[in-house]
mmCIF file of all heavy atoms, coordinates in Angstrom:
data_MODEL
# 
_entry.id   MODEL 
# 
loop_
_atom_site.group_PDB 
_atom_site.id 
_atom_site.type_symbol 
_atom_site.label_atom_id 
_atom_site.label_alt_id 
_atom_site.label_comp_id 
_atom_site.label_asym_id 
_atom_site.label_entity_id 
_atom_site.label_seq_id 
_atom_site.pdbx_PDB_ins_code 
_atom_site.Cartn_x 
_atom_site.Cartn_y 
_atom_site.Cartn_z 
_atom_site.occupancy 
_atom_site.B_iso_or_equiv 
_atom_site.pdbx_formal_charge 
_atom_site.auth_seq_id 
_atom_site.auth_comp_id 
_atom_site.auth_asym_id 
_atom_site.auth_atom_id 
_atom_site.pdbx_PDB_model_num 
ATOM 1   N N   . PRO A 1 1  ? 7.754   -7.468  14.988  1.00 0.00 ? 1  PRO A N   1 
ATOM 2   C CA  . PRO A 1 1  ? 6.343   -7.666  14.632  1.00 0.00 ? 1  PRO A CA  1 
ATOM 3   C C   . PRO A 1 1  ? 6.258   -8.724  13.477  1.00 0.00 ? 1  PRO A C   1 
ATOM 4   O O   . PRO A 1 1  ? 6.088   -8.337  12.279  1.00 0.00 ? 1  PRO A O   1 
ATOM 5   C CB  . PRO A 1 1  ? 5.936   -6.327  14.207  1.00 0.00 ? 1  PRO A CB  1 
ATOM 6   C CG  . PRO A 1 1  ? 7.130   -5.628  13.775  1.00 0.00 ? 1  PRO A CG  1 
ATOM 7   C CD  . PRO A 1 1  ? 8.244   -6.156  14.542  1.00 0.00 ? 1  PRO A CD  1 
ATOM 8   N N   . THR A 1 2  ? 6.400   -10.039 13.807  1.00 0.00 ? 2  THR A N   1 
ATOM 9   C CA  . THR A 1 2  ? 6.354   -11.040 12.777  1.00 0.00 ? 2  THR A CA  1 
ATOM 10  C C   . THR A 1 2  ? 5.181   -10.965 11.725  1.00 0.00 ? 2  THR A C   1 
ATOM 11  O O   . THR A 1 2  ? 5.458   -10.996 10.583  1.00 0.00 ? 2  THR A O   1 
ATOM 12  C CB  . THR A 1 2  ? 6.362   -12.385 13.512  1.00 0.00 ? 2  THR A CB  1 
ATOM 13  O OG1 . THR A 1 2  ? 7.296   -12.476 14.507  1.00 0.00 ? 2  THR A OG1 1 
ATOM 14  C CG2 . THR A 1 2  ? 6.552   -13.531 12.496  1.00 0.00 ? 2  THR A CG2 1 
ATOM 15  N N   . THR A 1 3  ? 4.019   -10.936 12.292  1.00 0.00 ? 3  THR A N   1 
ATOM 16  C CA  . THR A 1 3  ? 2.889   -10.812 11.335  1.00 0.00 ? 3  THR A CA  1 
ATOM 17  C C   . THR A 1 3  ? 2.917   -9.618  10.603  1.00 0.00 ? 3  THR A C   1 
ATOM 18  O O   . THR A 1 3  ? 2.723   -9.553  9.306   1.00 0.00 ? 3  THR A O   1 
ATOM 19  C CB  . THR A 1 3  ? 1.547   -10.933 12.184  1.00 0.00 ? 3  THR A CB  1 
ATOM 20  O OG1 . THR A 1 3  ? 1.568   -12.106 12.948  1.00 0.00 ? 3  THR A OG1 1 
ATOM 21  C CG2 . THR A 1 3  ? 0.347   -10.882 11.247  1.00 0.00 ? 3  THR A CG2 1 
ATOM 22  N N   . CYS A 1 4  ? 3.280   -8.507  11.074  1.00 0.00 ? 4  CYS A N   1 
ATOM 23  C CA  . CYS A 1 4  ? 3.262   -7.239  10.418  1.00 0.00 ? 4  CYS A CA  1 
ATOM 24  C C   . CYS A 1 4  ? 4.414   -7.064  9.434   1.00 0.00 ? 4  CYS A C   1 
ATOM 25  O O   . CYS A 1 4  ? 4.207   -6.500  8.352   1.00 0.00 ? 4  CYS A O   1 
ATOM 26  C CB  . CYS A 1 4  ? 3.458   -6.091  11.443  1.00 0.00 ? 4  CYS A CB  1 
ATOM 27  S SG  . CYS A 1 4  ? 2.976   -4.511  10.789  1.00 0.00 ? 4  CYS A SG  1 
ATOM 28  N N   . ILE A 1 5  ? 5.515   -7.792  9.676   1.00 0.00 ? 5  ILE A N   1 
ATOM 29  C CA  . ILE A 1 5  ? 6.668   -7.859  8.678   1.00 0.00 ? 5  ILE A CA  1 
ATOM 30  C C   . ILE A 1 5  ? 6.111   -8.433  7.366   1.00 0.00 ? 5  ILE A C   1 
ATOM 31  O O   . ILE A 1 5  ? 6.338   -8.032  6.325   1.00 0.00 ? 5  ILE A O   1 
ATOM 32  C CB  . ILE A 1 5  ? 7.826   -8.642  9.244   1.00 0.00 ? 5  ILE A CB  1 
ATOM 33  C CG1 . ILE A 1 5  ? 8.576   -7.855  10.263  1.00 0.00 ? 5  ILE A CG1 1 
ATOM 34  C CG2 . ILE A 1 5  ? 8.759   -9.066  8.164   1.00 0.00 ? 5  ILE A CG2 1 
ATOM 35  C CD1 . ILE A 1 5  ? 9.635   -8.620  11.014  1.00 0.00 ? 5  ILE A CD1 1 
ATOM 36  N N   . LEU A 1 6  ? 5.381   -9.532  7.523   1.00 0.00 ? 6  LEU A N   1 
ATOM 37  C CA  . LEU A 1 6  ? 4.924   -10.225 6.214   1.00 0.00 ? 6  LEU A CA  1 
ATOM 38  C C   . LEU A 1 6  ? 3.741   -9.440  5.654   1.00 0.00 ? 6  LEU A C   1 
ATOM 39  O O   . LEU A 1 6  ? 3.745   -9.178  4.450   1.00 0.00 ? 6  LEU A O   1 
ATOM 40  C CB  . LEU A 1 6  ? 4.347   -11.582 6.632   1.00 0.00 ? 6  LEU A CB  1 
ATOM 41  C CG  . LEU A 1 6  ? 5.398   -12.680 6.916   1.00 0.00 ? 6  LEU A CG  1 
ATOM 42  C CD1 . LEU A 1 6  ? 4.710   -14.017 7.260   1.00 0.00 ? 6  LEU A CD1 1 
ATOM 43  C CD2 . LEU A 1 6  ? 6.252   -12.903 5.791   1.00 0.00 ? 6  LEU A CD2 1 
ATOM 44  N N   . MET A 1 7  ? 2.693   -8.970  6.478   1.00 0.00 ? 7  MET A N   1 
ATOM 45  C CA  . MET A 1 7  ? 1.566   -8.370  5.903   1.00 0.00 ? 7  MET A CA  1 
ATOM 46  C C   . MET A 1 7  ? 1.699   -6.984  5.558   1.00 0.00 ? 7  MET A C   1 
ATOM 47  O O   . MET A 1 7  ? 1.534   -6.531  4.397   1.00 0.00 ? 7  MET A O   1 
ATOM 48  C CB  . MET A 1 7  ? 0.214   -8.632  6.739   1.00 0.00 ? 7  MET A CB  1 
ATOM 49  C CG  . MET A 1 7  ? -0.898  -7.854  6.227   1.00 0.00 ? 7  MET A CG  1 
ATOM 50  S SD  . MET A 1 7  ? -2.263  -8.184  7.374   1.00 0.00 ? 7  MET A SD  1 
ATOM 51  C CE  . MET A 1 7  ? -3.490  -7.075  6.580   1.00 0.00 ? 7  MET A CE  1 
ATOM 52  N N   . CYS A 1 8  ? 2.129   -6.145  6.540   1.00 0.00 ? 8  CYS A N   1 
ATOM 53  C CA  . CYS A 1 8  ? 2.153   -4.781  6.367   1.00 0.00 ? 8  CYS A CA  1 
ATOM 54  C C   . CYS A 1 8  ? 3.181   -4.140  5.374   1.00 0.00 ? 8  CYS A C   1 
ATOM 55  O O   . CYS A 1 8  ? 3.032   -3.153  4.751   1.00 0.00 ? 8  CYS A O   1 
ATOM 56  C CB  . CYS A 1 8  ? 2.243   -4.042  7.657   1.00 0.00 ? 8  CYS A CB  1 
ATOM 57  S SG  . CYS A 1 8  ? 1.004   -4.487  8.792   1.00 0.00 ? 8  CYS A SG  1 
ATOM 58  N N   . ALA A 1 9  ? 4.264   -4.850  5.273   1.00 0.00 ? 9  ALA A N   1 
ATOM 59  C CA  . ALA A 1 9  ? 5.266   -4.417  4.321   1.00 0.00 ? 9  ALA A CA  1 
ATOM 60  C C   . ALA A 1 9  ? 4.741   -4.676  2.832   1.00 0.00 ? 9  ALA A C   1 
ATOM 61  O O   . ALA A 1 9  ? 4.992   -3.827  1.990   1.00 0.00 ? 9  ALA A O   1 
ATOM 62  C CB  . ALA A 1 9  ? 6.564   -5.213  4.561   1.00 0.00 ? 9  ALA A CB  1 
ATOM 63  N N   . VAL A 1 10 ? 4.012   -5.724  2.690   1.00 0.00 ? 10 VAL A N   1 
ATOM 64  C CA  . VAL A 1 10 ? 3.392   -5.919  1.376   1.00 0.00 ? 10 VAL A CA  1 
ATOM 65  C C   . VAL A 1 10 ? 2.335   -4.881  1.039   1.00 0.00 ? 10 VAL A C   1 
ATOM 66  O O   . VAL A 1 10 ? 2.201   -4.410  0.096   1.00 0.00 ? 10 VAL A O   1 
ATOM 67  C CB  . VAL A 1 10 ? 2.916   -7.404  1.244   1.00 0.00 ? 10 VAL A CB  1 
ATOM 68  C CG1 . VAL A 1 10 ? 2.200   -7.552  -0.124  1.00 0.00 ? 10 VAL A CG1 1 
ATOM 69  C CG2 . VAL A 1 10 ? 4.105   -8.347  1.356   1.00 0.00 ? 10 VAL A CG2 1 
ATOM 70  N N   . VAL A 1 11 ? 1.585   -4.550  2.200   1.00 0.00 ? 11 VAL A N   1 
ATOM 71  C CA  . VAL A 1 11 ? 0.535   -3.608  2.000   1.00 0.00 ? 11 VAL A CA  1 
ATOM 72  C C   . VAL A 1 11 ? 1.168   -2.219  1.706   1.00 0.00 ? 11 VAL A C   1 
ATOM 73  O O   . VAL A 1 11 ? 0.708   -1.466  0.677   1.00 0.00 ? 11 VAL A O   1 
ATOM 74  C CB  . VAL A 1 11 ? -0.172  -3.308  3.408   1.00 0.00 ? 11 VAL A CB  1 
ATOM 75  C CG1 . VAL A 1 11 ? -1.058  -2.165  3.409   1.00 0.00 ? 11 VAL A CG1 1 
ATOM 76  C CG2 . VAL A 1 11 ? -0.975  -4.590  3.708   1.00 0.00 ? 11 VAL A CG2 1 
ATOM 77  N N   . GLY A 1 12 ? 2.264   -1.917  2.184   1.00 0.00 ? 12 GLY A N   1 
ATOM 78  C CA  . GLY A 1 12 ? 3.028   -0.663  1.899   1.00 0.00 ? 12 GLY A CA  1 
ATOM 79  C C   . GLY A 1 12 ? 3.468   -0.724  0.496   1.00 0.00 ? 12 GLY A C   1 
ATOM 80  O O   . GLY A 1 12 ? 3.475   0.308   -0.256  1.00 0.00 ? 12 GLY A O   1 
ATOM 81  N N   . ALA A 1 13 ? 3.941   -1.821  -0.026  1.00 0.00 ? 13 ALA A N   1 
ATOM 82  C CA  . ALA A 1 13 ? 4.446   -2.001  -1.288  1.00 0.00 ? 13 ALA A CA  1 
ATOM 83  C C   . ALA A 1 13 ? 3.355   -1.765  -2.339  1.00 0.00 ? 13 ALA A C   1 
ATOM 84  O O   . ALA A 1 13 ? 3.455   -1.138  -3.343  1.00 0.00 ? 13 ALA A O   1 
ATOM 85  C CB  . ALA A 1 13 ? 5.116   -3.340  -1.481  1.00 0.00 ? 13 ALA A CB  1 
ATOM 86  N N   . GLN A 1 14 ? 2.176   -2.371  -2.052  1.00 0.00 ? 14 GLN A N   1 
ATOM 87  C CA  . GLN A 1 14 ? 1.053   -2.223  -2.880  1.00 0.00 ? 14 GLN A CA  1 
ATOM 88  C C   . GLN A 1 14 ? 0.522   -0.889  -2.924  1.00 0.00 ? 14 GLN A C   1 
ATOM 89  O O   . GLN A 1 14 ? 0.078   -0.347  -3.959  1.00 0.00 ? 14 GLN A O   1 
ATOM 90  C CB  . GLN A 1 14 ? -0.101  -3.216  -2.537  1.00 0.00 ? 14 GLN A CB  1 
ATOM 91  C CG  . GLN A 1 14 ? 0.310   -4.733  -2.714  1.00 0.00 ? 14 GLN A CG  1 
ATOM 92  C CD  . GLN A 1 14 ? -0.724  -5.678  -2.116  1.00 0.00 ? 14 GLN A CD  1 
ATOM 93  O OE1 . GLN A 1 14 ? -1.395  -5.371  -1.244  1.00 0.00 ? 14 GLN A OE1 1 
ATOM 94  N NE2 . GLN A 1 14 ? -0.685  -6.858  -2.623  1.00 0.00 ? 14 GLN A NE2 1 
ATOM 95  N N   . ALA A 1 15 ? 0.620   -0.203  -1.822  1.00 0.00 ? 15 ALA A N   1 
ATOM 96  C CA  . ALA A 1 15 ? 0.141   1.197   -1.819  1.00 0.00 ? 15 ALA A CA  1 
ATOM 97  C C   . ALA A 1 15 ? 0.900   2.107   -2.714  1.00 0.00 ? 15 ALA A C   1 
ATOM 98  O O   . ALA A 1 15 ? 0.357   3.098   -3.020  1.00 0.00 ? 15 ALA A O   1 
ATOM 99  C CB  . ALA A 1 15 ? 0.158   1.604   -0.359  1.00 0.00 ? 15 ALA A CB  1 
ATOM 100 N N   . SER A 1 16 ? 2.065   1.683   -3.048  1.00 0.00 ? 16 SER A N   1 
ATOM 101 C CA  . SER A 1 16 ? 2.876   2.672   -3.932  1.00 0.00 ? 16 SER A CA  1 
ATOM 102 C C   . SER A 1 16 ? 3.038   2.154   -5.345  1.00 0.00 ? 16 SER A C   1 
ATOM 103 O O   . SER A 1 16 ? 3.717   2.621   -6.191  1.00 0.00 ? 16 SER A O   1 
ATOM 104 C CB  . SER A 1 16 ? 4.226   2.839   -3.316  1.00 0.00 ? 16 SER A CB  1 
ATOM 105 O OG  . SER A 1 16 ? 4.937   1.577   -3.249  1.00 0.00 ? 16 SER A OG  1 
ATOM 106 N N   . ALA A 1 17 ? 2.211   1.004   -5.662  1.00 0.00 ? 17 ALA A N   1 
ATOM 107 C CA  . ALA A 1 17 ? 2.479   0.290   -6.918  1.00 0.00 ? 17 ALA A CA  1 
ATOM 108 C C   . ALA A 1 17 ? 1.641   0.970   -8.114  1.00 0.00 ? 17 ALA A C   1 
ATOM 109 O O   . ALA A 1 17 ? 2.107   0.499   -9.220  1.00 0.00 ? 17 ALA A O   1 
ATOM 110 C CB  . ALA A 1 17 ? 2.130   -1.148  -6.747  1.00 0.00 ? 17 ALA A CB  1 
ATOM 111 N N   . ALA A 1 18 ? 0.815   1.757   -7.888  1.00 0.00 ? 18 ALA A N   1 
ATOM 112 C CA  . ALA A 1 18 ? 0.028   2.335   -9.002  1.00 0.00 ? 18 ALA A CA  1 
ATOM 113 C C   . ALA A 1 18 ? -0.558  3.652   -8.613  1.00 0.00 ? 18 ALA A C   1 
ATOM 114 O O   . ALA A 1 18 ? -0.838  3.855   -7.529  1.00 0.00 ? 18 ALA A O   1 
ATOM 115 C CB  . ALA A 1 18 ? -1.062  1.300   -9.492  1.00 0.00 ? 18 ALA A CB  1 
ATOM 116 N N   . PRO A 1 19 ? -0.800  4.524   -9.613  1.00 0.00 ? 19 PRO A N   1 
ATOM 117 C CA  . PRO A 1 19 ? -1.400  5.850   -9.322  1.00 0.00 ? 19 PRO A CA  1 
ATOM 118 C C   . PRO A 1 19 ? -2.831  5.800   -8.774  1.00 0.00 ? 19 PRO A C   1 
ATOM 119 O O   . PRO A 1 19 ? -3.201  6.491   -7.930  1.00 0.00 ? 19 PRO A O   1 
ATOM 120 C CB  . PRO A 1 19 ? -1.372  6.557   -10.672 1.00 0.00 ? 19 PRO A CB  1 
ATOM 121 C CG  . PRO A 1 19 ? -0.362  5.811   -11.532 1.00 0.00 ? 19 PRO A CG  1 
ATOM 122 C CD  . PRO A 1 19 ? -0.415  4.367   -11.054 1.00 0.00 ? 19 PRO A CD  1 
ATOM 123 N N   . THR A 1 20 ? -3.596  4.772   -9.204  1.00 0.00 ? 20 THR A N   1 
ATOM 124 C CA  . THR A 1 20 ? -5.040  4.639   -8.859  1.00 0.00 ? 20 THR A CA  1 
ATOM 125 C C   . THR A 1 20 ? -5.160  3.241   -8.262  1.00 0.00 ? 20 THR A C   1 
ATOM 126 O O   . THR A 1 20 ? -4.800  2.259   -8.908  1.00 0.00 ? 20 THR A O   1 
ATOM 127 C CB  . THR A 1 20 ? -5.973  4.833   -10.001 1.00 0.00 ? 20 THR A CB  1 
ATOM 128 O OG1 . THR A 1 20 ? -5.714  6.151   -10.580 1.00 0.00 ? 20 THR A OG1 1 
ATOM 129 C CG2 . THR A 1 20 ? -7.403  4.734   -9.498  1.00 0.00 ? 20 THR A CG2 1 
ATOM 130 N N   . LEU A 1 21 ? -5.593  3.152   -7.011  1.00 0.00 ? 21 LEU A N   1 
ATOM 131 C CA  . LEU A 1 21 ? -5.775  1.888   -6.370  1.00 0.00 ? 21 LEU A CA  1 
ATOM 132 C C   . LEU A 1 21 ? -7.103  1.786   -5.780  1.00 0.00 ? 21 LEU A C   1 
ATOM 133 O O   . LEU A 1 21 ? -7.929  2.727   -5.568  1.00 0.00 ? 21 LEU A O   1 
ATOM 134 C CB  . LEU A 1 21 ? -4.801  1.865   -5.149  1.00 0.00 ? 21 LEU A CB  1 
ATOM 135 C CG  . LEU A 1 21 ? -3.375  1.730   -5.463  1.00 0.00 ? 21 LEU A CG  1 
ATOM 136 C CD1 . LEU A 1 21 ? -2.471  2.077   -4.337  1.00 0.00 ? 21 LEU A CD1 1 
ATOM 137 C CD2 . LEU A 1 21 ? -2.976  0.361   -5.981  1.00 0.00 ? 21 LEU A CD2 1 
ATOM 138 N N   . PRO A 1 22 ? -7.685  0.571   -5.689  1.00 0.00 ? 22 PRO A N   1 
ATOM 139 C CA  . PRO A 1 22 ? -9.128  0.268   -5.138  1.00 0.00 ? 22 PRO A CA  1 
ATOM 140 C C   . PRO A 1 22 ? -9.120  0.721   -3.631  1.00 0.00 ? 22 PRO A C   1 
ATOM 141 O O   . PRO A 1 22 ? -8.109  0.673   -3.004  1.00 0.00 ? 22 PRO A O   1 
ATOM 142 C CB  . PRO A 1 22 ? -9.253  -1.166  -5.358  1.00 0.00 ? 22 PRO A CB  1 
ATOM 143 C CG  . PRO A 1 22 ? -7.905  -1.768  -5.396  1.00 0.00 ? 22 PRO A CG  1 
ATOM 144 C CD  . PRO A 1 22 ? -7.047  -0.743  -6.059  1.00 0.00 ? 22 PRO A CD  1 
ATOM 145 N N   . LEU A 1 23 ? -10.265 0.963   -3.151  1.00 0.00 ? 23 LEU A N   1 
ATOM 146 C CA  . LEU A 1 23 ? -10.459 1.446   -1.911  1.00 0.00 ? 23 LEU A CA  1 
ATOM 147 C C   . LEU A 1 23 ? -10.047 0.249   -0.898  1.00 0.00 ? 23 LEU A C   1 
ATOM 148 O O   . LEU A 1 23 ? -9.512  0.474   0.144   1.00 0.00 ? 23 LEU A O   1 
ATOM 149 C CB  . LEU A 1 23 ? -11.923 1.832   -1.548  1.00 0.00 ? 23 LEU A CB  1 
ATOM 150 C CG  . LEU A 1 23 ? -12.245 2.252   -0.163  1.00 0.00 ? 23 LEU A CG  1 
ATOM 151 C CD1 . LEU A 1 23 ? -11.508 3.474   0.231   1.00 0.00 ? 23 LEU A CD1 1 
ATOM 152 C CD2 . LEU A 1 23 ? -13.812 2.467   0.022   1.00 0.00 ? 23 LEU A CD2 1 
ATOM 153 N N   . TRP A 1 24 ? -10.393 -1.015  -1.268  1.00 0.00 ? 24 TRP A N   1 
ATOM 154 C CA  . TRP A 1 24 ? -10.097 -2.173  -0.412  1.00 0.00 ? 24 TRP A CA  1 
ATOM 155 C C   . TRP A 1 24 ? -9.641  -3.323  -1.339  1.00 0.00 ? 24 TRP A C   1 
ATOM 156 O O   . TRP A 1 24 ? -10.044 -3.435  -2.462  1.00 0.00 ? 24 TRP A O   1 
ATOM 157 C CB  . TRP A 1 24 ? -11.125 -2.590  0.572   1.00 0.00 ? 24 TRP A CB  1 
ATOM 158 C CG  . TRP A 1 24 ? -12.362 -2.938  -0.101  1.00 0.00 ? 24 TRP A CG  1 
ATOM 159 C CD1 . TRP A 1 24 ? -13.501 -2.134  -0.352  1.00 0.00 ? 24 TRP A CD1 1 
ATOM 160 C CD2 . TRP A 1 24 ? -12.735 -4.320  -0.674  1.00 0.00 ? 24 TRP A CD2 1 
ATOM 161 N NE1 . TRP A 1 24 ? -14.501 -2.906  -1.018  1.00 0.00 ? 24 TRP A NE1 1 
ATOM 162 C CE2 . TRP A 1 24 ? -14.055 -4.246  -1.104  1.00 0.00 ? 24 TRP A CE2 1 
ATOM 163 C CE3 . TRP A 1 24 ? -12.046 -5.450  -0.699  1.00 0.00 ? 24 TRP A CE3 1 
ATOM 164 C CZ2 . TRP A 1 24 ? -14.710 -5.247  -1.803  1.00 0.00 ? 24 TRP A CZ2 1 
ATOM 165 C CZ3 . TRP A 1 24 ? -12.700 -6.563  -1.270  1.00 0.00 ? 24 TRP A CZ3 1 
ATOM 166 C CH2 . TRP A 1 24 ? -13.983 -6.437  -1.808  1.00 0.00 ? 24 TRP A CH2 1 
ATOM 167 N N   . GLU A 1 25 ? -8.836  -4.150  -0.744  1.00 0.00 ? 25 GLU A N   1 
ATOM 168 C CA  . GLU A 1 25 ? -8.421  -5.457  -1.382  1.00 0.00 ? 25 GLU A CA  1 
ATOM 169 C C   . GLU A 1 25 ? -8.439  -6.386  -0.242  1.00 0.00 ? 25 GLU A C   1 
ATOM 170 O O   . GLU A 1 25 ? -8.024  -6.293  0.872   1.00 0.00 ? 25 GLU A O   1 
ATOM 171 C CB  . GLU A 1 25 ? -7.017  -5.276  -1.965  1.00 0.00 ? 25 GLU A CB  1 
ATOM 172 C CG  . GLU A 1 25 ? -6.931  -4.401  -3.133  1.00 0.00 ? 25 GLU A CG  1 
ATOM 173 C CD  . GLU A 1 25 ? -5.477  -4.205  -3.579  1.00 0.00 ? 25 GLU A CD  1 
ATOM 174 O OE1 . GLU A 1 25 ? -4.519  -4.676  -3.003  1.00 0.00 ? 25 GLU A OE1 1 
ATOM 175 O OE2 . GLU A 1 25 ? -5.242  -3.555  -4.569  1.00 0.00 ? 25 GLU A OE2 1 
ATOM 176 N N   . ALA A 1 26 ? -8.765  -7.723  -0.693  1.00 0.00 ? 26 ALA A N   1 
ATOM 177 C CA  . ALA A 1 26 ? -8.710  -8.894  0.280   1.00 0.00 ? 26 ALA A CA  1 
ATOM 178 C C   . ALA A 1 26 ? -8.032  -9.934  -0.373  1.00 0.00 ? 26 ALA A C   1 
ATOM 179 O O   . ALA A 1 26 ? -8.160  -10.242 -1.533  1.00 0.00 ? 26 ALA A O   1 
ATOM 180 C CB  . ALA A 1 26 ? -10.053 -9.396  0.659   1.00 0.00 ? 26 ALA A CB  1 
ATOM 181 N N   . GLY A 1 27 ? -7.186  -10.766 0.285   1.00 0.00 ? 27 GLY A N   1 
ATOM 182 C CA  . GLY A 1 27 ? -6.500  -11.843 -0.218  1.00 0.00 ? 27 GLY A CA  1 
ATOM 183 C C   . GLY A 1 27 ? -5.838  -12.645 0.812   1.00 0.00 ? 27 GLY A C   1 
ATOM 184 O O   . GLY A 1 27 ? -6.249  -12.814 1.981   1.00 0.00 ? 27 GLY A O   1 
ATOM 185 N N   . VAL A 1 28 ? -4.882  -13.466 0.342   1.00 0.00 ? 28 VAL A N   1 
ATOM 186 C CA  . VAL A 1 28 ? -4.044  -14.364 1.210   1.00 0.00 ? 28 VAL A CA  1 
ATOM 187 C C   . VAL A 1 28 ? -2.622  -14.067 1.160   1.00 0.00 ? 28 VAL A C   1 
ATOM 188 O O   . VAL A 1 28 ? -2.124  -13.770 -0.062  1.00 0.00 ? 28 VAL A O   1 
ATOM 189 C CB  . VAL A 1 28 ? -4.406  -15.898 0.757   1.00 0.00 ? 28 VAL A CB  1 
ATOM 190 C CG1 . VAL A 1 28 ? -3.554  -16.826 1.674   1.00 0.00 ? 28 VAL A CG1 1 
ATOM 191 C CG2 . VAL A 1 28 ? -5.851  -16.200 1.012   1.00 0.00 ? 28 VAL A CG2 1 
ATOM 192 N N   . ILE A 1 29 ? -1.908  -14.104 2.266   1.00 0.00 ? 29 ILE A N   1 
ATOM 193 C CA  . ILE A 1 29 ? -0.465  -13.841 2.129   1.00 0.00 ? 29 ILE A CA  1 
ATOM 194 C C   . ILE A 1 29 ? 0.281   -14.971 2.912   1.00 0.00 ? 29 ILE A C   1 
ATOM 195 O O   . ILE A 1 29 ? -0.289  -15.555 3.961   1.00 0.00 ? 29 ILE A O   1 
ATOM 196 C CB  . ILE A 1 29 ? -0.169  -12.485 2.811   1.00 0.00 ? 29 ILE A CB  1 
ATOM 197 C CG1 . ILE A 1 29 ? 1.339   -12.172 2.735   1.00 0.00 ? 29 ILE A CG1 1 
ATOM 198 C CG2 . ILE A 1 29 ? -0.554  -12.424 4.350   1.00 0.00 ? 29 ILE A CG2 1 
ATOM 199 C CD1 . ILE A 1 29 ? 1.697   -10.782 3.128   1.00 0.00 ? 29 ILE A CD1 1 
ATOM 200 N N   . GLY A 1 30 ? 1.367   -15.376 2.492   1.00 0.00 ? 30 GLY A N   1 
ATOM 201 C CA  . GLY A 1 30 ? 2.149   -16.520 3.059   1.00 0.00 ? 30 GLY A CA  1 
ATOM 202 C C   . GLY A 1 30 ? 3.618   -16.192 2.933   1.00 0.00 ? 30 GLY A C   1 
ATOM 203 O O   . GLY A 1 30 ? 4.056   -15.466 1.949   1.00 0.00 ? 30 GLY A O   1 
ATOM 204 N N   . GLY A 1 31 ? 4.416   -16.644 3.927   1.00 0.00 ? 31 GLY A N   1 
ATOM 205 C CA  . GLY A 1 31 ? 5.815   -16.428 3.764   1.00 0.00 ? 31 GLY A CA  1 
ATOM 206 C C   . GLY A 1 31 ? 6.575   -16.983 4.947   1.00 0.00 ? 31 GLY A C   1 
ATOM 207 O O   . GLY A 1 31 ? 6.034   -17.756 5.746   1.00 0.00 ? 31 GLY A O   1 
# 
């Protein structure tokens, strides 16, 4: 899953990066 490798792995990383996170985030990803 090429697109998911780039996007979703970063999503998973951000999801564990802090105790409190915003409901949604929007941005740009490249790799």
